[in-house]
Amino acid sequence: MTDTSIPRADQSPDEKAAPIAESETEETEAEARGKKAPADNDLFRQSEIAADYVEGLLDILDYDGDIDELVSGGRPVVEVVGARLQNLVGQRGATLEALQELTRLAVFRQTGTPSRLLLDVGGYRANRRKELAAVAKNAVEKVKEYGEPVRLEPMSAFERKCVHDVVNAMAGVESESEGVEPSRRIIVRPAD
C-alpha cells in the first residue's frame, strides 16, 4: 500500500497505479481513466501561479530566495533556494507541508483545478529523500535477515511515499501503511 499527498483529480490513465493520499476519496480505475492529464503548459501555468504566491509570502516575511518554477514528472514544481529559509521548512518539514497545501489552494483558487504541485524549500525534499532511502534499505536488510516485519517511525505522506518507492523496487519485501495521522507509519515485511 502506497500513499502520498497527491490529489488524484489530475491523473492520466498512465498514472492510475500511482499512490494517493489516504485522506483522498477512493476512485475506481474506470473513473481515473476517464480523466485527462493536464498539458505541460497547464502544469507550467500552475507552477507560475504557485511561484507568484510563494514570492508574495517571502515578501511579507521579508525573506530572500530565488524561485524556480518547472514541470517535472508530470507535475508542477516550485523550488525556493536561499539563505535563512529553515523556518519555512520547520521541524521535520511540517511547515513546508503546510505551505505546500496553502500554495495548492492558491493554484486551485485561480484555476479551479486541484493541483499536484510539489513545493521544495532549500533542497529539503531532495535531502530527505536520500535519508529515507537509507532508512528503507536498512529496514529491508533487517526484514531479509530476520524474516520479521519492521515498523518504522511515524512519517508524513511525502516521507511514506519515498519509503514505499524504495521498498517496492526491491524483491522479496513489501510495505504498507498503518495507523492514523499524525501517527501513520510504514511496516516493511517479507513478501507473501
N, C-alpha and C. Protein backbone atom coordinates (compact mmCIF):
# COMPACT_ATOMS: atom_id res chain seq x y z
N MET A 1 0.86 -1.17 0.00
CA MET A 1 0.00 0.00 0.00
C MET A 1 0.90 1.22 0.00
N THR A 2 0.66 2.10 -0.91
CA THR A 2 1.49 3.29 -1.03
C THR A 2 0.61 4.51 -0.89
N ASP A 3 1.19 5.59 -0.35
CA ASP A 3 0.39 6.80 -0.19
C ASP A 3 1.24 8.04 -0.36
N THR A 4 0.59 9.09 -0.79
CA THR A 4 1.25 10.39 -0.92
C THR A 4 0.24 11.45 -0.62
N SER A 5 0.67 12.68 -0.73
CA SER A 5 -0.26 13.79 -0.52
C SER A 5 -0.72 14.36 -1.85
N ILE A 6 -0.79 13.51 -2.86
CA ILE A 6 -1.10 13.96 -4.20
C ILE A 6 -2.57 13.73 -4.51
N PRO A 7 -3.33 14.77 -4.83
CA PRO A 7 -4.72 14.55 -5.24
C PRO A 7 -4.78 13.78 -6.55
N ARG A 8 -5.83 13.01 -6.76
CA ARG A 8 -5.97 12.20 -7.97
C ARG A 8 -6.67 12.92 -9.10
N ALA A 9 -7.20 14.08 -8.91
CA ALA A 9 -8.02 14.73 -9.92
C ALA A 9 -7.28 14.96 -11.22
N ASP A 10 -5.96 15.06 -11.20
CA ASP A 10 -5.20 15.35 -12.41
C ASP A 10 -4.61 14.11 -13.05
N GLN A 11 -4.83 12.92 -12.53
CA GLN A 11 -4.10 11.77 -13.01
C GLN A 11 -4.52 11.34 -14.41
N SER A 12 -3.50 10.96 -15.18
CA SER A 12 -3.74 10.43 -16.51
C SER A 12 -3.94 8.92 -16.41
N PRO A 13 -4.38 8.28 -17.50
CA PRO A 13 -4.53 6.83 -17.47
C PRO A 13 -3.22 6.12 -17.14
N ASP A 14 -2.07 6.71 -17.54
CA ASP A 14 -0.79 6.09 -17.25
C ASP A 14 -0.46 6.14 -15.77
N GLU A 15 -1.10 7.02 -15.02
CA GLU A 15 -0.80 7.19 -13.61
C GLU A 15 -1.77 6.45 -12.71
N LYS A 16 -2.65 5.61 -13.25
CA LYS A 16 -3.70 5.02 -12.43
C LYS A 16 -3.15 4.16 -11.30
N ALA A 17 -1.93 3.64 -11.42
CA ALA A 17 -1.36 2.83 -10.36
C ALA A 17 -0.55 3.67 -9.38
N ALA A 18 -0.47 4.97 -9.62
CA ALA A 18 0.32 5.83 -8.74
C ALA A 18 -0.32 5.91 -7.36
N PRO A 19 0.52 6.10 -6.34
CA PRO A 19 -0.01 6.20 -4.98
C PRO A 19 -0.86 7.43 -4.77
N ILE A 20 -1.76 7.36 -3.78
CA ILE A 20 -2.60 8.51 -3.45
C ILE A 20 -2.58 8.72 -1.95
N ALA A 21 -3.05 9.85 -1.54
CA ALA A 21 -3.15 10.15 -0.11
C ALA A 21 -4.30 9.37 0.49
N GLU A 22 -4.10 8.90 1.72
CA GLU A 22 -5.17 8.16 2.38
C GLU A 22 -6.36 9.06 2.64
N SER A 23 -6.14 10.36 2.75
CA SER A 23 -7.24 11.26 3.06
C SER A 23 -8.11 11.54 1.83
N GLU A 24 -7.65 11.16 0.67
CA GLU A 24 -8.42 11.38 -0.55
C GLU A 24 -9.48 10.29 -0.68
N THR A 25 -10.58 10.62 -1.31
CA THR A 25 -11.60 9.60 -1.54
C THR A 25 -11.10 8.65 -2.61
N GLU A 26 -11.47 7.39 -2.48
CA GLU A 26 -11.02 6.41 -3.45
C GLU A 26 -11.82 6.55 -4.73
N GLU A 27 -11.17 6.24 -5.82
CA GLU A 27 -11.77 6.42 -7.13
C GLU A 27 -11.52 5.13 -7.91
N THR A 28 -12.48 4.68 -8.66
CA THR A 28 -12.29 3.45 -9.43
C THR A 28 -11.35 3.71 -10.59
N GLU A 29 -10.78 2.63 -11.11
CA GLU A 29 -9.87 2.77 -12.24
C GLU A 29 -10.60 3.33 -13.46
N ALA A 30 -11.87 2.96 -13.63
CA ALA A 30 -12.64 3.47 -14.76
C ALA A 30 -12.78 4.99 -14.66
N GLU A 31 -13.03 5.50 -13.46
CA GLU A 31 -13.12 6.96 -13.29
C GLU A 31 -11.77 7.61 -13.57
N ALA A 32 -10.69 6.98 -13.10
CA ALA A 32 -9.35 7.54 -13.31
C ALA A 32 -9.01 7.59 -14.80
N ARG A 33 -9.41 6.56 -15.55
CA ARG A 33 -9.12 6.54 -16.99
C ARG A 33 -9.90 7.61 -17.74
N GLY A 34 -11.05 7.99 -17.20
CA GLY A 34 -11.89 8.98 -17.86
C GLY A 34 -11.38 10.40 -17.74
N LYS A 35 -10.41 10.64 -16.88
CA LYS A 35 -9.90 11.99 -16.68
C LYS A 35 -8.65 12.21 -17.51
N LYS A 36 -8.52 13.42 -18.03
CA LYS A 36 -7.35 13.74 -18.85
C LYS A 36 -6.28 14.39 -17.99
N ALA A 37 -5.02 14.08 -18.32
CA ALA A 37 -3.91 14.73 -17.63
C ALA A 37 -3.77 16.15 -18.17
N PRO A 38 -3.42 17.09 -17.31
CA PRO A 38 -3.23 18.45 -17.81
C PRO A 38 -2.02 18.51 -18.73
N ALA A 39 -2.10 19.37 -19.71
CA ALA A 39 -0.99 19.57 -20.64
C ALA A 39 0.15 20.24 -19.91
N ASP A 40 1.37 20.10 -20.47
CA ASP A 40 2.54 20.72 -19.85
C ASP A 40 2.37 22.22 -19.68
N ASN A 41 1.71 22.88 -20.63
CA ASN A 41 1.53 24.33 -20.48
C ASN A 41 0.59 24.64 -19.32
N ASP A 42 -0.41 23.77 -19.07
CA ASP A 42 -1.28 23.95 -17.90
C ASP A 42 -0.50 23.74 -16.61
N LEU A 43 0.37 22.74 -16.61
CA LEU A 43 1.19 22.46 -15.43
C LEU A 43 2.15 23.61 -15.17
N PHE A 44 2.75 24.13 -16.25
CA PHE A 44 3.67 25.25 -16.06
C PHE A 44 2.91 26.48 -15.57
N ARG A 45 1.70 26.67 -16.05
CA ARG A 45 0.87 27.78 -15.56
C ARG A 45 0.62 27.62 -14.06
N GLN A 46 0.35 26.39 -13.61
CA GLN A 46 0.17 26.15 -12.19
C GLN A 46 1.44 26.50 -11.40
N SER A 47 2.60 26.14 -11.95
CA SER A 47 3.85 26.46 -11.25
C SER A 47 4.09 27.96 -11.22
N GLU A 48 3.66 28.68 -12.26
CA GLU A 48 3.80 30.15 -12.26
C GLU A 48 2.90 30.78 -11.20
N ILE A 49 1.66 30.31 -11.11
CA ILE A 49 0.74 30.82 -10.09
C ILE A 49 1.31 30.56 -8.70
N ALA A 50 1.81 29.34 -8.51
CA ALA A 50 2.38 28.96 -7.21
C ALA A 50 3.61 29.82 -6.89
N ALA A 51 4.46 30.05 -7.89
CA ALA A 51 5.66 30.86 -7.67
C ALA A 51 5.29 32.28 -7.27
N ASP A 52 4.27 32.84 -7.91
CA ASP A 52 3.81 34.19 -7.55
C ASP A 52 3.30 34.20 -6.11
N TYR A 53 2.56 33.17 -5.72
CA TYR A 53 2.03 33.09 -4.36
C TYR A 53 3.18 33.00 -3.34
N VAL A 54 4.14 32.12 -3.62
CA VAL A 54 5.28 31.94 -2.71
C VAL A 54 6.11 33.22 -2.64
N GLU A 55 6.28 33.88 -3.78
CA GLU A 55 7.03 35.14 -3.79
C GLU A 55 6.34 36.17 -2.90
N GLY A 56 5.02 36.22 -2.94
CA GLY A 56 4.27 37.13 -2.08
C GLY A 56 4.49 36.80 -0.60
N LEU A 57 4.50 35.52 -0.28
CA LEU A 57 4.76 35.11 1.10
C LEU A 57 6.17 35.52 1.54
N LEU A 58 7.14 35.31 0.67
CA LEU A 58 8.51 35.68 1.01
C LEU A 58 8.62 37.19 1.24
N ASP A 59 7.92 37.97 0.42
CA ASP A 59 7.93 39.43 0.59
C ASP A 59 7.33 39.81 1.94
N ILE A 60 6.20 39.22 2.29
CA ILE A 60 5.55 39.51 3.56
C ILE A 60 6.47 39.17 4.74
N LEU A 61 7.16 38.03 4.62
CA LEU A 61 8.05 37.57 5.69
C LEU A 61 9.42 38.25 5.67
N ASP A 62 9.68 39.01 4.60
CA ASP A 62 10.97 39.67 4.40
C ASP A 62 12.11 38.66 4.31
N TYR A 63 11.86 37.57 3.58
CA TYR A 63 12.87 36.54 3.31
C TYR A 63 13.33 36.69 1.87
N ASP A 64 14.60 36.44 1.66
CA ASP A 64 15.14 36.46 0.30
C ASP A 64 15.26 35.02 -0.19
N GLY A 65 14.88 34.81 -1.43
CA GLY A 65 15.01 33.48 -2.01
C GLY A 65 14.79 33.54 -3.50
N ASP A 66 15.51 32.71 -4.21
CA ASP A 66 15.31 32.56 -5.65
C ASP A 66 14.27 31.48 -5.87
N ILE A 67 13.33 31.75 -6.76
CA ILE A 67 12.23 30.82 -7.01
C ILE A 67 12.35 30.27 -8.42
N ASP A 68 12.38 28.95 -8.52
CA ASP A 68 12.40 28.28 -9.81
C ASP A 68 11.06 27.59 -9.99
N GLU A 69 10.47 27.75 -11.15
CA GLU A 69 9.21 27.09 -11.47
C GLU A 69 9.45 26.18 -12.65
N LEU A 70 8.98 24.95 -12.56
CA LEU A 70 9.20 23.99 -13.62
C LEU A 70 8.14 22.91 -13.58
N VAL A 71 8.20 22.03 -14.55
CA VAL A 71 7.34 20.85 -14.59
C VAL A 71 8.27 19.65 -14.58
N SER A 72 8.05 18.75 -13.63
CA SER A 72 8.91 17.58 -13.51
C SER A 72 8.05 16.37 -13.17
N GLY A 73 8.23 15.29 -13.90
CA GLY A 73 7.48 14.08 -13.62
C GLY A 73 5.98 14.25 -13.77
N GLY A 74 5.55 15.13 -14.66
CA GLY A 74 4.13 15.34 -14.89
C GLY A 74 3.44 16.12 -13.80
N ARG A 75 4.20 16.91 -13.06
CA ARG A 75 3.58 17.74 -12.03
C ARG A 75 4.33 19.06 -11.91
N PRO A 76 3.60 20.12 -11.53
CA PRO A 76 4.25 21.41 -11.36
C PRO A 76 5.12 21.40 -10.10
N VAL A 77 6.27 22.07 -10.21
CA VAL A 77 7.22 22.11 -9.10
C VAL A 77 7.67 23.55 -8.91
N VAL A 78 7.75 23.96 -7.66
CA VAL A 78 8.32 25.26 -7.30
C VAL A 78 9.41 25.00 -6.28
N GLU A 79 10.63 25.48 -6.59
CA GLU A 79 11.76 25.33 -5.69
C GLU A 79 12.20 26.70 -5.23
N VAL A 80 12.39 26.85 -3.92
CA VAL A 80 12.86 28.10 -3.34
C VAL A 80 14.25 27.84 -2.78
N VAL A 81 15.21 28.64 -3.21
CA VAL A 81 16.59 28.48 -2.78
C VAL A 81 17.08 29.79 -2.20
N GLY A 82 17.78 29.72 -1.09
CA GLY A 82 18.34 30.91 -0.48
C GLY A 82 18.76 30.65 0.95
N ALA A 83 19.32 31.66 1.56
CA ALA A 83 19.75 31.57 2.95
C ALA A 83 18.56 31.89 3.86
N ARG A 84 18.65 31.51 5.11
CA ARG A 84 17.64 31.81 6.12
C ARG A 84 16.25 31.27 5.79
N LEU A 85 16.17 30.14 5.18
CA LEU A 85 14.86 29.59 4.81
C LEU A 85 14.42 28.43 5.70
N GLN A 86 15.23 28.04 6.67
CA GLN A 86 14.91 26.89 7.50
C GLN A 86 13.56 27.04 8.20
N ASN A 87 13.18 28.28 8.55
CA ASN A 87 11.88 28.49 9.20
C ASN A 87 10.72 28.11 8.28
N LEU A 88 10.95 28.15 6.97
CA LEU A 88 9.90 27.76 6.03
C LEU A 88 9.79 26.25 5.89
N VAL A 89 10.79 25.53 6.36
CA VAL A 89 10.76 24.06 6.34
C VAL A 89 10.14 23.55 7.64
N GLY A 90 10.58 24.10 8.76
CA GLY A 90 10.04 23.69 10.04
C GLY A 90 10.58 22.35 10.49
N GLN A 91 10.11 21.91 11.64
CA GLN A 91 10.56 20.65 12.20
C GLN A 91 10.04 19.49 11.36
N ARG A 92 10.97 18.69 10.85
CA ARG A 92 10.66 17.53 10.01
C ARG A 92 9.76 17.88 8.82
N GLY A 93 9.88 19.11 8.31
CA GLY A 93 9.15 19.50 7.12
C GLY A 93 7.70 19.87 7.33
N ALA A 94 7.27 20.03 8.58
CA ALA A 94 5.87 20.30 8.87
C ALA A 94 5.42 21.64 8.29
N THR A 95 6.23 22.66 8.42
CA THR A 95 5.87 23.97 7.88
C THR A 95 5.85 23.92 6.36
N LEU A 96 6.80 23.22 5.77
CA LEU A 96 6.85 23.07 4.31
C LEU A 96 5.58 22.39 3.80
N GLU A 97 5.13 21.35 4.49
CA GLU A 97 3.89 20.66 4.09
C GLU A 97 2.71 21.62 4.13
N ALA A 98 2.64 22.43 5.18
CA ALA A 98 1.54 23.39 5.29
C ALA A 98 1.61 24.45 4.19
N LEU A 99 2.81 24.95 3.91
CA LEU A 99 2.98 25.93 2.83
C LEU A 99 2.60 25.32 1.48
N GLN A 100 2.95 24.06 1.29
CA GLN A 100 2.59 23.40 0.03
C GLN A 100 1.07 23.34 -0.12
N GLU A 101 0.37 22.99 0.95
CA GLU A 101 -1.09 22.93 0.87
C GLU A 101 -1.70 24.30 0.61
N LEU A 102 -1.18 25.33 1.26
CA LEU A 102 -1.66 26.70 1.01
C LEU A 102 -1.41 27.10 -0.44
N THR A 103 -0.25 26.73 -0.95
CA THR A 103 0.10 27.06 -2.33
C THR A 103 -0.80 26.31 -3.30
N ARG A 104 -1.10 25.05 -3.01
CA ARG A 104 -2.03 24.29 -3.85
C ARG A 104 -3.41 24.94 -3.85
N LEU A 105 -3.83 25.43 -2.69
CA LEU A 105 -5.12 26.12 -2.61
C LEU A 105 -5.11 27.40 -3.45
N ALA A 106 -4.00 28.13 -3.45
CA ALA A 106 -3.90 29.34 -4.26
C ALA A 106 -4.01 28.99 -5.75
N VAL A 107 -3.39 27.89 -6.15
CA VAL A 107 -3.49 27.45 -7.55
C VAL A 107 -4.92 27.05 -7.86
N PHE A 108 -5.54 26.30 -6.97
CA PHE A 108 -6.92 25.87 -7.18
C PHE A 108 -7.85 27.07 -7.30
N ARG A 109 -7.61 28.05 -6.47
CA ARG A 109 -8.46 29.25 -6.48
C ARG A 109 -8.43 29.96 -7.83
N GLN A 110 -7.27 29.96 -8.48
CA GLN A 110 -7.15 30.64 -9.77
C GLN A 110 -7.53 29.76 -10.96
N THR A 111 -7.31 28.46 -10.84
CA THR A 111 -7.55 27.58 -12.00
C THR A 111 -8.84 26.78 -11.89
N GLY A 112 -9.32 26.57 -10.66
CA GLY A 112 -10.49 25.73 -10.47
C GLY A 112 -10.18 24.25 -10.59
N THR A 113 -8.90 23.91 -10.66
CA THR A 113 -8.46 22.53 -10.80
C THR A 113 -7.52 22.16 -9.65
N PRO A 114 -7.74 21.02 -8.99
CA PRO A 114 -6.80 20.60 -7.96
C PRO A 114 -5.40 20.42 -8.55
N SER A 115 -4.40 20.76 -7.78
CA SER A 115 -3.02 20.71 -8.26
C SER A 115 -2.23 19.66 -7.51
N ARG A 116 -1.31 19.03 -8.22
CA ARG A 116 -0.37 18.08 -7.62
C ARG A 116 0.97 18.78 -7.37
N LEU A 117 0.94 20.08 -7.21
CA LEU A 117 2.13 20.89 -7.04
C LEU A 117 3.04 20.33 -5.94
N LEU A 118 4.34 20.36 -6.22
CA LEU A 118 5.33 19.99 -5.23
C LEU A 118 6.14 21.24 -4.92
N LEU A 119 6.20 21.60 -3.65
CA LEU A 119 6.96 22.76 -3.19
C LEU A 119 8.17 22.26 -2.43
N ASP A 120 9.35 22.79 -2.77
CA ASP A 120 10.57 22.45 -2.05
C ASP A 120 11.25 23.74 -1.62
N VAL A 121 11.78 23.75 -0.43
CA VAL A 121 12.47 24.91 0.10
C VAL A 121 13.86 24.47 0.54
N GLY A 122 14.87 25.14 0.00
CA GLY A 122 16.24 24.87 0.41
C GLY A 122 16.72 23.46 0.15
N GLY A 123 16.11 22.77 -0.81
CA GLY A 123 16.50 21.40 -1.14
C GLY A 123 16.12 20.37 -0.08
N TYR A 124 15.21 20.75 0.82
CA TYR A 124 14.81 19.85 1.91
C TYR A 124 14.29 18.51 1.39
N ARG A 125 13.40 18.54 0.41
CA ARG A 125 12.79 17.29 -0.06
C ARG A 125 13.82 16.36 -0.69
N ALA A 126 14.74 16.91 -1.47
CA ALA A 126 15.77 16.08 -2.10
C ALA A 126 16.67 15.44 -1.04
N ASN A 127 17.06 16.21 -0.04
CA ASN A 127 17.89 15.67 1.04
C ASN A 127 17.13 14.63 1.85
N ARG A 128 15.89 14.90 2.14
CA ARG A 128 15.08 13.97 2.93
C ARG A 128 14.85 12.67 2.18
N ARG A 129 14.68 12.75 0.84
CA ARG A 129 14.53 11.53 0.03
C ARG A 129 15.74 10.62 0.22
N LYS A 130 16.94 11.20 0.21
CA LYS A 130 18.16 10.40 0.38
C LYS A 130 18.19 9.74 1.75
N GLU A 131 17.85 10.50 2.78
CA GLU A 131 17.81 9.94 4.14
C GLU A 131 16.80 8.80 4.22
N LEU A 132 15.64 9.00 3.64
CA LEU A 132 14.59 7.99 3.72
C LEU A 132 14.93 6.75 2.90
N ALA A 133 15.66 6.93 1.81
CA ALA A 133 16.11 5.77 1.03
C ALA A 133 17.02 4.90 1.89
N ALA A 134 17.88 5.53 2.68
CA ALA A 134 18.76 4.77 3.58
C ALA A 134 17.96 4.07 4.66
N VAL A 135 16.95 4.73 5.21
CA VAL A 135 16.09 4.12 6.23
C VAL A 135 15.37 2.91 5.63
N ALA A 136 14.84 3.07 4.43
CA ALA A 136 14.11 1.98 3.78
C ALA A 136 15.03 0.80 3.50
N LYS A 137 16.23 1.06 2.99
CA LYS A 137 17.18 -0.03 2.70
C LYS A 137 17.58 -0.76 3.97
N ASN A 138 17.77 -0.02 5.05
CA ASN A 138 18.11 -0.63 6.33
C ASN A 138 16.97 -1.53 6.81
N ALA A 139 15.74 -1.06 6.69
CA ALA A 139 14.58 -1.86 7.10
C ALA A 139 14.49 -3.13 6.25
N VAL A 140 14.72 -3.01 4.95
CA VAL A 140 14.67 -4.17 4.06
C VAL A 140 15.74 -5.19 4.46
N GLU A 141 16.94 -4.71 4.77
CA GLU A 141 18.01 -5.63 5.19
C GLU A 141 17.61 -6.39 6.45
N LYS A 142 17.00 -5.69 7.41
CA LYS A 142 16.57 -6.34 8.65
C LYS A 142 15.48 -7.37 8.38
N VAL A 143 14.54 -7.03 7.51
CA VAL A 143 13.47 -7.97 7.17
C VAL A 143 14.05 -9.21 6.50
N LYS A 144 14.97 -9.02 5.57
CA LYS A 144 15.56 -10.16 4.87
C LYS A 144 16.43 -11.00 5.81
N GLU A 145 17.12 -10.34 6.75
CA GLU A 145 18.00 -11.06 7.66
C GLU A 145 17.22 -11.86 8.70
N TYR A 146 16.18 -11.25 9.30
CA TYR A 146 15.47 -11.88 10.40
C TYR A 146 14.12 -12.47 10.00
N GLY A 147 13.59 -12.10 8.85
CA GLY A 147 12.31 -12.62 8.40
C GLY A 147 11.12 -12.08 9.17
N GLU A 148 11.31 -11.03 9.95
CA GLU A 148 10.26 -10.42 10.76
C GLU A 148 9.92 -9.03 10.23
N PRO A 149 8.66 -8.60 10.36
CA PRO A 149 8.28 -7.25 9.93
C PRO A 149 9.02 -6.18 10.75
N VAL A 150 9.26 -5.04 10.10
CA VAL A 150 9.90 -3.91 10.76
C VAL A 150 8.94 -2.73 10.69
N ARG A 151 8.66 -2.14 11.86
CA ARG A 151 7.80 -0.95 11.94
C ARG A 151 8.69 0.27 11.99
N LEU A 152 8.43 1.22 11.12
CA LEU A 152 9.20 2.45 11.10
C LEU A 152 8.48 3.52 11.91
N GLU A 153 9.18 4.58 12.22
CA GLU A 153 8.60 5.69 12.98
C GLU A 153 7.49 6.36 12.16
N PRO A 154 6.59 7.07 12.82
CA PRO A 154 5.55 7.79 12.08
C PRO A 154 6.17 8.79 11.10
N MET A 155 5.52 8.92 9.95
CA MET A 155 6.04 9.79 8.89
C MET A 155 4.90 10.53 8.22
N SER A 156 5.28 11.62 7.54
CA SER A 156 4.31 12.36 6.72
C SER A 156 4.03 11.56 5.46
N ALA A 157 3.01 11.95 4.74
CA ALA A 157 2.66 11.25 3.50
C ALA A 157 3.81 11.29 2.50
N PHE A 158 4.48 12.44 2.38
CA PHE A 158 5.64 12.56 1.49
C PHE A 158 6.72 11.56 1.89
N GLU A 159 7.01 11.48 3.17
CA GLU A 159 8.05 10.57 3.65
C GLU A 159 7.66 9.12 3.42
N ARG A 160 6.41 8.79 3.68
CA ARG A 160 5.96 7.41 3.47
C ARG A 160 6.07 7.02 2.00
N LYS A 161 5.71 7.93 1.12
CA LYS A 161 5.81 7.63 -0.31
C LYS A 161 7.26 7.35 -0.70
N CYS A 162 8.18 8.14 -0.20
CA CYS A 162 9.60 7.92 -0.50
C CYS A 162 10.04 6.52 -0.07
N VAL A 163 9.63 6.11 1.14
CA VAL A 163 10.00 4.78 1.64
C VAL A 163 9.31 3.69 0.83
N HIS A 164 8.03 3.84 0.56
CA HIS A 164 7.31 2.83 -0.24
C HIS A 164 7.97 2.65 -1.60
N ASP A 165 8.37 3.75 -2.23
CA ASP A 165 9.01 3.66 -3.55
C ASP A 165 10.28 2.81 -3.51
N VAL A 166 11.09 3.00 -2.47
CA VAL A 166 12.33 2.24 -2.35
C VAL A 166 12.03 0.77 -2.06
N VAL A 167 11.14 0.51 -1.11
CA VAL A 167 10.81 -0.86 -0.73
C VAL A 167 10.18 -1.61 -1.90
N ASN A 168 9.26 -0.96 -2.61
CA ASN A 168 8.57 -1.62 -3.72
C ASN A 168 9.49 -1.93 -4.89
N ALA A 169 10.64 -1.28 -4.96
CA ALA A 169 11.61 -1.55 -6.02
C ALA A 169 12.50 -2.75 -5.68
N MET A 170 12.37 -3.30 -4.47
CA MET A 170 13.22 -4.41 -4.04
C MET A 170 12.42 -5.70 -3.99
N ALA A 171 13.07 -6.78 -4.39
CA ALA A 171 12.41 -8.09 -4.42
C ALA A 171 12.36 -8.71 -3.03
N GLY A 172 11.31 -9.46 -2.76
CA GLY A 172 11.21 -10.23 -1.54
C GLY A 172 10.62 -9.51 -0.35
N VAL A 173 10.28 -8.23 -0.52
CA VAL A 173 9.70 -7.45 0.59
C VAL A 173 8.53 -6.64 0.07
N GLU A 174 7.68 -6.23 1.01
CA GLU A 174 6.57 -5.35 0.67
C GLU A 174 6.36 -4.39 1.83
N SER A 175 5.64 -3.32 1.57
CA SER A 175 5.39 -2.33 2.62
C SER A 175 3.94 -1.91 2.58
N GLU A 176 3.46 -1.50 3.75
CA GLU A 176 2.12 -0.95 3.84
C GLU A 176 2.10 0.06 4.98
N SER A 177 1.15 0.97 4.90
CA SER A 177 1.00 1.97 5.95
C SER A 177 -0.09 1.53 6.91
N GLU A 178 0.08 1.90 8.18
CA GLU A 178 -0.93 1.60 9.18
C GLU A 178 -1.05 2.79 10.12
N GLY A 179 -2.19 2.88 10.79
CA GLY A 179 -2.40 3.94 11.76
C GLY A 179 -3.11 5.14 11.15
N VAL A 180 -3.24 6.16 11.98
CA VAL A 180 -3.97 7.37 11.62
C VAL A 180 -3.02 8.55 11.80
N GLU A 181 -3.13 9.53 10.90
CA GLU A 181 -2.31 10.74 11.02
C GLU A 181 -2.50 11.35 12.39
N PRO A 182 -1.52 11.88 13.00
CA PRO A 182 -0.14 12.05 12.56
C PRO A 182 0.76 10.88 12.94
N SER A 183 0.18 9.79 13.39
CA SER A 183 0.98 8.64 13.82
C SER A 183 1.00 7.53 12.78
N ARG A 184 0.72 7.85 11.54
CA ARG A 184 0.72 6.85 10.48
C ARG A 184 2.16 6.43 10.19
N ARG A 185 2.38 5.13 10.06
CA ARG A 185 3.73 4.61 9.88
C ARG A 185 3.74 3.50 8.84
N ILE A 186 4.92 3.09 8.47
CA ILE A 186 5.10 2.02 7.48
C ILE A 186 5.56 0.76 8.19
N ILE A 187 5.05 -0.37 7.70
CA ILE A 187 5.54 -1.68 8.11
C ILE A 187 6.15 -2.32 6.87
N VAL A 188 7.39 -2.76 7.00
CA VAL A 188 8.08 -3.49 5.93
C VAL A 188 8.09 -4.95 6.35
N ARG A 189 7.64 -5.83 5.45
CA ARG A 189 7.56 -7.26 5.80
C ARG A 189 7.98 -8.10 4.61
N PRO A 190 8.26 -9.37 4.88
CA PRO A 190 8.58 -10.26 3.75
C PRO A 190 7.38 -10.37 2.83
N ALA A 191 7.63 -10.43 1.54
CA ALA A 191 6.54 -10.57 0.56
C ALA A 191 5.95 -11.97 0.67
N ASP A 192 4.65 -12.05 0.45
CA ASP A 192 3.95 -13.34 0.52
C ASP A 192 4.32 -14.22 -0.64
